[in-house]
Amino acid sequence: MYVLTQADGHTVGNHTYHHPDMSRISDKASFQKEMDDVAALFKEVTGGELAMYYRPPQGKYSKENLQMAKDLGYSTFFWSLAYVDWNQDAQPSHEEAFSKLTGRIHPGAIVLLHSTSKTNGEIMDELLTKWEEMGYTFRPLADLAAGQGGNRAEDGGNVGNAGKRR
């Protein structure tokens, strides 16, 4: 899957190994272990390296976490558009998902869609086509990391919509 993902131009970043509330992790060793364990597993399984992008689970972080990520060489990104799509037992209908995602899209959006969502998989082609018809284009995180706008924490991105500050 990674080879196909990479071949299609997608990027795989770090989202931690255990998916904890990172705002509760205050020591660098524990923080680094969360990051390093998933990077090591990724390399073992795929033979590839994770991109140096980090998204805190649930958008929970502390200022110290952001600094630790930066010290480890990561650029931290948040999302500006998400909806409740992760609960496999309560998936939104196609109409509900499509309405929320097309109604909330905005210039510079970083969209968070969970791969565990059956609905997302079923509407993805239609959704991307609709967004293109609305005038949107798609760019890789590398463009944002290069300072071309977006919700990058280091640039004071839109963390108000993205997560909970602690």
C-alpha atoms as a PDB file:
ATOM      1  CA  MET A   1       0.000   0.000   0.000  1.00  0.00           C
ATOM      2  CA  TYR A   2       2.827   2.396   0.847  1.00  0.00           C
ATOM      3  CA  VAL A   3       4.423   1.908  -2.566  1.00  0.00           C
ATOM      4  CA  LEU A   4       1.092   2.703  -4.253  1.00  0.00           C
ATOM      5  CA  THR A   5       0.540   5.661  -1.923  1.00  0.00           C
ATOM      6  CA  GLN A   6       3.984   7.053  -2.662  1.00  0.00           C
ATOM      7  CA  ALA A   7       3.671   6.373  -6.381  1.00  0.00           C
ATOM      8  CA  ASP A   8       0.418   8.361  -6.391  1.00  0.00           C
ATOM      9  CA  GLY A   9       2.238  11.324  -4.837  1.00  0.00           C
ATOM     10  CA  HIS A  10       0.862  10.980  -1.305  1.00  0.00           C
ATOM     11  CA  THR A  11       2.882  11.672   1.813  1.00  0.00           C
ATOM     12  CA  VAL A  12       2.880   9.632   5.013  1.00  0.00           C
ATOM     13  CA  GLY A  13       3.716  11.558   8.173  1.00  0.00           C
ATOM     14  CA  ASN A  14       3.840  10.798  11.900  1.00  0.00           C
ATOM     15  CA  HIS A  15       0.707  10.538  14.026  1.00  0.00           C
ATOM     16  CA  THR A  16       2.384   8.749  16.988  1.00  0.00           C
ATOM     17  CA  TYR A  17       2.537   5.069  17.847  1.00  0.00           C
ATOM     18  CA  HIS A  18      -0.131   4.796  20.585  1.00  0.00           C
ATOM     19  CA  HIS A  19      -2.351   7.796  19.659  1.00  0.00           C
ATOM     20  CA  PRO A  20      -2.173   9.355  23.156  1.00  0.00           C
ATOM     21  CA  ASP A  21      -3.254  12.779  24.337  1.00  0.00           C
ATOM     22  CA  MET A  22       0.087  14.392  23.566  1.00  0.00           C
ATOM     23  CA  SER A  23      -0.701  17.454  25.691  1.00  0.00           C
ATOM     24  CA  ARG A  24      -0.185  15.200  28.721  1.00  0.00           C
ATOM     25  CA  ILE A  25       3.321  14.200  27.662  1.00  0.00           C
ATOM     26  CA  SER A  26       5.773  16.661  29.133  1.00  0.00           C
ATOM     27  CA  ASP A  27       9.115  14.883  28.929  1.00  0.00           C
ATOM     28  CA  LYS A  28      11.106  14.728  25.719  1.00  0.00           C
ATOM     29  CA  ALA A  29      12.019  11.025  26.075  1.00  0.00           C
ATOM     30  CA  SER A  30       8.349   9.918  26.145  1.00  0.00           C
ATOM     31  CA  PHE A  31       7.478  12.269  23.309  1.00  0.00           C
ATOM     32  CA  GLN A  32      10.379  11.044  21.206  1.00  0.00           C
ATOM     33  CA  LYS A  33       9.493   7.390  21.875  1.00  0.00           C
ATOM     34  CA  GLU A  34       5.974   7.945  20.470  1.00  0.00           C
ATOM     35  CA  MET A  35       7.476   9.463  17.347  1.00  0.00           C
ATOM     36  CA  ASP A  36      10.396   7.050  16.940  1.00  0.00           C
ATOM     37  CA  ASP A  37       8.368   3.869  17.511  1.00  0.00           C
ATOM     38  CA  VAL A  38       5.968   4.602  14.661  1.00  0.00           C
ATOM     39  CA  ALA A  39       8.808   5.716  12.388  1.00  0.00           C
ATOM     40  CA  ALA A  40      10.696   2.474  13.098  1.00  0.00           C
ATOM     41  CA  LEU A  41       7.615   0.331  12.457  1.00  0.00           C
ATOM     42  CA  PHE A  42       6.909   2.184   9.235  1.00  0.00           C
ATOM     43  CA  LYS A  43      10.469   1.577   8.042  1.00  0.00           C
ATOM     44  CA  GLU A  44      10.297  -2.100   9.041  1.00  0.00           C
ATOM     45  CA  VAL A  45       7.036  -2.655   7.166  1.00  0.00           C
ATOM     46  CA  THR A  46       7.645  -0.484   4.094  1.00  0.00           C
ATOM     47  CA  GLY A  47      11.385  -0.008   3.855  1.00  0.00           C
ATOM     48  CA  GLY A  48      10.650   3.704   3.501  1.00  0.00           C
ATOM     49  CA  GLU A  49      10.984   6.746   5.703  1.00  0.00           C
ATOM     50  CA  LEU A  50       8.122   8.779   7.128  1.00  0.00           C
ATOM     51  CA  ALA A  51       7.977  12.379   5.999  1.00  0.00           C
ATOM     52  CA  MET A  52       8.958  14.763   8.777  1.00  0.00           C
ATOM     53  CA  TYR A  53       5.382  15.964   9.278  1.00  0.00           C
ATOM     54  CA  TYR A  54       3.484  15.511  12.527  1.00  0.00           C
ATOM     55  CA  ARG A  55      -0.210  15.727  13.370  1.00  0.00           C
ATOM     56  CA  PRO A  56      -1.029  15.432  17.078  1.00  0.00           C
ATOM     57  CA  PRO A  57      -3.769  12.870  17.796  1.00  0.00           C
ATOM     58  CA  GLN A  58      -7.122  14.571  18.373  1.00  0.00           C
ATOM     59  CA  GLY A  59      -5.359  17.898  17.813  1.00  0.00           C
ATOM     60  CA  LYS A  60      -4.305  17.946  21.476  1.00  0.00           C
ATOM     61  CA  TYR A  61      -0.928  19.445  22.222  1.00  0.00           C
ATOM     62  CA  SER A  62       1.001  21.766  24.465  1.00  0.00           C
ATOM     63  CA  LYS A  63       3.440  24.489  23.485  1.00  0.00           C
ATOM     64  CA  GLU A  64       6.185  22.236  24.819  1.00  0.00           C
ATOM     65  CA  ASN A  65       5.028  19.438  22.460  1.00  0.00           C
ATOM     66  CA  LEU A  66       5.261  21.740  19.472  1.00  0.00           C
ATOM     67  CA  GLN A  67       8.798  22.657  20.456  1.00  0.00           C
ATOM     68  CA  MET A  68       9.761  19.005  20.996  1.00  0.00           C
ATOM     69  CA  ALA A  69       8.435  18.108  17.545  1.00  0.00           C
ATOM     70  CA  LYS A  70      10.376  20.994  16.025  1.00  0.00           C
ATOM     71  CA  ASP A  71      13.542  19.947  17.888  1.00  0.00           C
ATOM     72  CA  LEU A  72      13.146  16.457  16.387  1.00  0.00           C
ATOM     73  CA  GLY A  73      12.929  17.989  12.913  1.00  0.00           C
ATOM     74  CA  TYR A  74       9.155  17.746  12.411  1.00  0.00           C
ATOM     75  CA  SER A  75       6.822  20.346  10.976  1.00  0.00           C
ATOM     76  CA  THR A  76       3.511  20.159  12.841  1.00  0.00           C
ATOM     77  CA  PHE A  77       0.294  20.463  10.868  1.00  0.00           C
ATOM     78  CA  PHE A  78      -3.319  20.748  11.944  1.00  0.00           C
ATOM     79  CA  TRP A  79      -6.512  20.450   9.991  1.00  0.00           C
ATOM     80  CA  SER A  80      -9.043  23.158   9.322  1.00  0.00           C
ATOM     81  CA  LEU A  81     -11.871  20.928   8.088  1.00  0.00           C
ATOM     82  CA  ALA A  82     -13.031  17.692   9.677  1.00  0.00           C
ATOM     83  CA  TYR A  83     -16.250  15.963  10.566  1.00  0.00           C
ATOM     84  CA  VAL A  84     -17.264  12.938  12.618  1.00  0.00           C
ATOM     85  CA  ASP A  85     -16.186  10.172  10.257  1.00  0.00           C
ATOM     86  CA  TRP A  86     -14.073   7.893  12.471  1.00  0.00           C
ATOM     87  CA  ASN A  87     -16.859   5.960  14.213  1.00  0.00           C
ATOM     88  CA  GLN A  88     -17.263   2.819  12.136  1.00  0.00           C
ATOM     89  CA  ASP A  89     -20.512   1.974  13.922  1.00  0.00           C
ATOM     90  CA  ALA A  90     -22.131   5.317  13.090  1.00  0.00           C
ATOM     91  CA  GLN A  91     -21.005   6.263   9.604  1.00  0.00           C
ATOM     92  CA  PRO A  92     -22.617   9.340   8.058  1.00  0.00           C
ATOM     93  CA  SER A  93     -24.755   8.878   4.990  1.00  0.00           C
ATOM     94  CA  HIS A  94     -23.277   9.828   1.635  1.00  0.00           C
ATOM     95  CA  GLU A  95     -25.544  12.885   1.534  1.00  0.00           C
ATOM     96  CA  GLU A  96     -24.603  14.026   5.049  1.00  0.00           C
ATOM     97  CA  ALA A  97     -20.867  13.628   4.421  1.00  0.00           C
ATOM     98  CA  PHE A  98     -21.001  15.287   1.010  1.00  0.00           C
ATOM     99  CA  SER A  99     -23.033  18.203   2.369  1.00  0.00           C
ATOM    100  CA  LYS A 100     -20.678  18.805   5.295  1.00  0.00           C
ATOM    101  CA  LEU A 101     -17.522  18.508   3.222  1.00  0.00           C
ATOM    102  CA  THR A 102     -18.640  20.665   0.309  1.00  0.00           C
ATOM    103  CA  GLY A 103     -20.295  23.215   2.595  1.00  0.00           C
ATOM    104  CA  ARG A 104     -17.237  23.668   4.808  1.00  0.00           C
ATOM    105  CA  ILE A 105     -14.455  23.667   2.223  1.00  0.00           C
ATOM    106  CA  HIS A 106     -12.477  26.926   2.136  1.00  0.00           C
ATOM    107  CA  PRO A 107      -9.328  28.352   0.557  1.00  0.00           C
ATOM    108  CA  GLY A 108      -6.211  26.927   2.180  1.00  0.00           C
ATOM    109  CA  ALA A 109      -8.090  24.043   3.800  1.00  0.00           C
ATOM    110  CA  ILE A 110      -6.275  21.076   5.256  1.00  0.00           C
ATOM    111  CA  VAL A 111      -8.934  18.379   5.270  1.00  0.00           C
ATOM    112  CA  LEU A 112      -8.866  15.545   7.793  1.00  0.00           C
ATOM    113  CA  LEU A 113     -10.579  12.398   6.529  1.00  0.00           C
ATOM    114  CA  HIS A 114     -10.110   9.087   8.311  1.00  0.00           C
ATOM    115  CA  SER A 115      -9.248   6.081   6.178  1.00  0.00           C
ATOM    116  CA  THR A 116     -11.392   3.915   8.470  1.00  0.00           C
ATOM    117  CA  SER A 117     -14.516   5.627   7.126  1.00  0.00           C
ATOM    118  CA  LYS A 118     -16.402   3.506   4.634  1.00  0.00           C
ATOM    119  CA  THR A 119     -18.399   6.575   3.592  1.00  0.00           C
ATOM    120  CA  ASN A 120     -15.260   8.565   2.772  1.00  0.00           C
ATOM    121  CA  GLY A 121     -14.020   5.819   0.492  1.00  0.00           C
ATOM    122  CA  GLU A 122     -17.341   5.626  -1.296  1.00  0.00           C
ATOM    123  CA  ILE A 123     -17.686   9.375  -1.956  1.00  0.00           C
ATOM    124  CA  MET A 124     -14.030  10.305  -2.522  1.00  0.00           C
ATOM    125  CA  ASP A 125     -14.035  10.452  -6.336  1.00  0.00           C
ATOM    126  CA  GLU A 126     -17.267  12.448  -6.442  1.00  0.00           C
ATOM    127  CA  LEU A 127     -16.082  14.736  -3.626  1.00  0.00           C
ATOM    128  CA  LEU A 128     -12.739  15.553  -5.239  1.00  0.00           C
ATOM    129  CA  THR A 129     -14.457  16.171  -8.569  1.00  0.00           C
ATOM    130  CA  LYS A 130     -16.944  18.521  -6.885  1.00  0.00           C
ATOM    131  CA  TRP A 131     -14.186  20.455  -5.149  1.00  0.00           C
ATOM    132  CA  GLU A 132     -12.372  20.832  -8.460  1.00  0.00           C
ATOM    133  CA  GLU A 133     -15.611  22.093 -10.055  1.00  0.00           C
ATOM    134  CA  MET A 134     -15.787  24.626  -7.194  1.00  0.00           C
ATOM    135  CA  GLY A 135     -12.331  25.893  -8.243  1.00  0.00           C
ATOM    136  CA  TYR A 136     -10.159  24.125  -5.685  1.00  0.00           C
ATOM    137  CA  THR A 137      -6.844  22.485  -6.425  1.00  0.00           C
ATOM    138  CA  PHE A 138      -4.836  20.041  -4.356  1.00  0.00           C
ATOM    139  CA  ARG A 139      -1.282  20.585  -3.183  1.00  0.00           C
ATOM    140  CA  PRO A 140       1.093  18.487  -1.093  1.00  0.00           C
ATOM    141  CA  LEU A 141       2.101  19.354   2.446  1.00  0.00           C
ATOM    142  CA  ALA A 142       5.573  20.009   1.087  1.00  0.00           C
ATOM    143  CA  ASP A 143       4.203  23.222  -0.424  1.00  0.00           C
ATOM    144  CA  LEU A 144       2.901  24.328   2.962  1.00  0.00           C
ATOM    145  CA  ALA A 145       6.097  23.285   4.718  1.00  0.00           C
ATOM    146  CA  ALA A 146       7.978  25.480   2.272  1.00  0.00           C
ATOM    147  CA  GLY A 147       6.045  28.429   3.693  1.00  0.00           C
ATOM    148  CA  GLN A 148       3.332  28.714   1.085  1.00  0.00           C
ATOM    149  CA  GLY A 149       0.478  29.209   3.591  1.00  0.00           C
ATOM    150  CA  GLY A 150      -1.745  26.834   5.521  1.00  0.00           C
ATOM    151  CA  ASN A 151      -2.192  25.520   9.023  1.00  0.00           C
ATOM    152  CA  ARG A 152       1.388  24.903  10.024  1.00  0.00           C
ATOM    153  CA  ALA A 153       1.864  25.417  13.758  1.00  0.00           C
ATOM    154  CA  GLU A 154       5.254  27.060  13.294  1.00  0.00           C
ATOM    155  CA  ASP A 155       3.635  29.783  11.199  1.00  0.00           C
ATOM    156  CA  GLY A 156       0.822  30.510  13.654  1.00  0.00           C
ATOM    157  CA  GLY A 157      -1.620  28.515  11.529  1.00  0.00           C
ATOM    158  CA  ASN A 158      -5.305  28.228  12.161  1.00  0.00           C
ATOM    159  CA  VAL A 159      -5.043  26.232  15.374  1.00  0.00           C
ATOM    160  CA  GLY A 160      -8.318  27.710  16.626  1.00  0.00           C
ATOM    161  CA  ASN A 161     -10.200  25.518  14.177  1.00  0.00           C
ATOM    162  CA  ALA A 162      -7.657  22.761  14.290  1.00  0.00           C
ATOM    163  CA  GLY A 163      -7.411  21.545  17.840  1.00  0.00           C
ATOM    164  CA  LYS A 164      -7.544  22.190  21.509  1.00  0.00           C
ATOM    165  CA  ARG A 165      -4.787  24.181  23.087  1.00  0.00           C
ATOM    166  CA  ARG A 166      -3.751  23.263  26.567  1.00  0.00           C
END
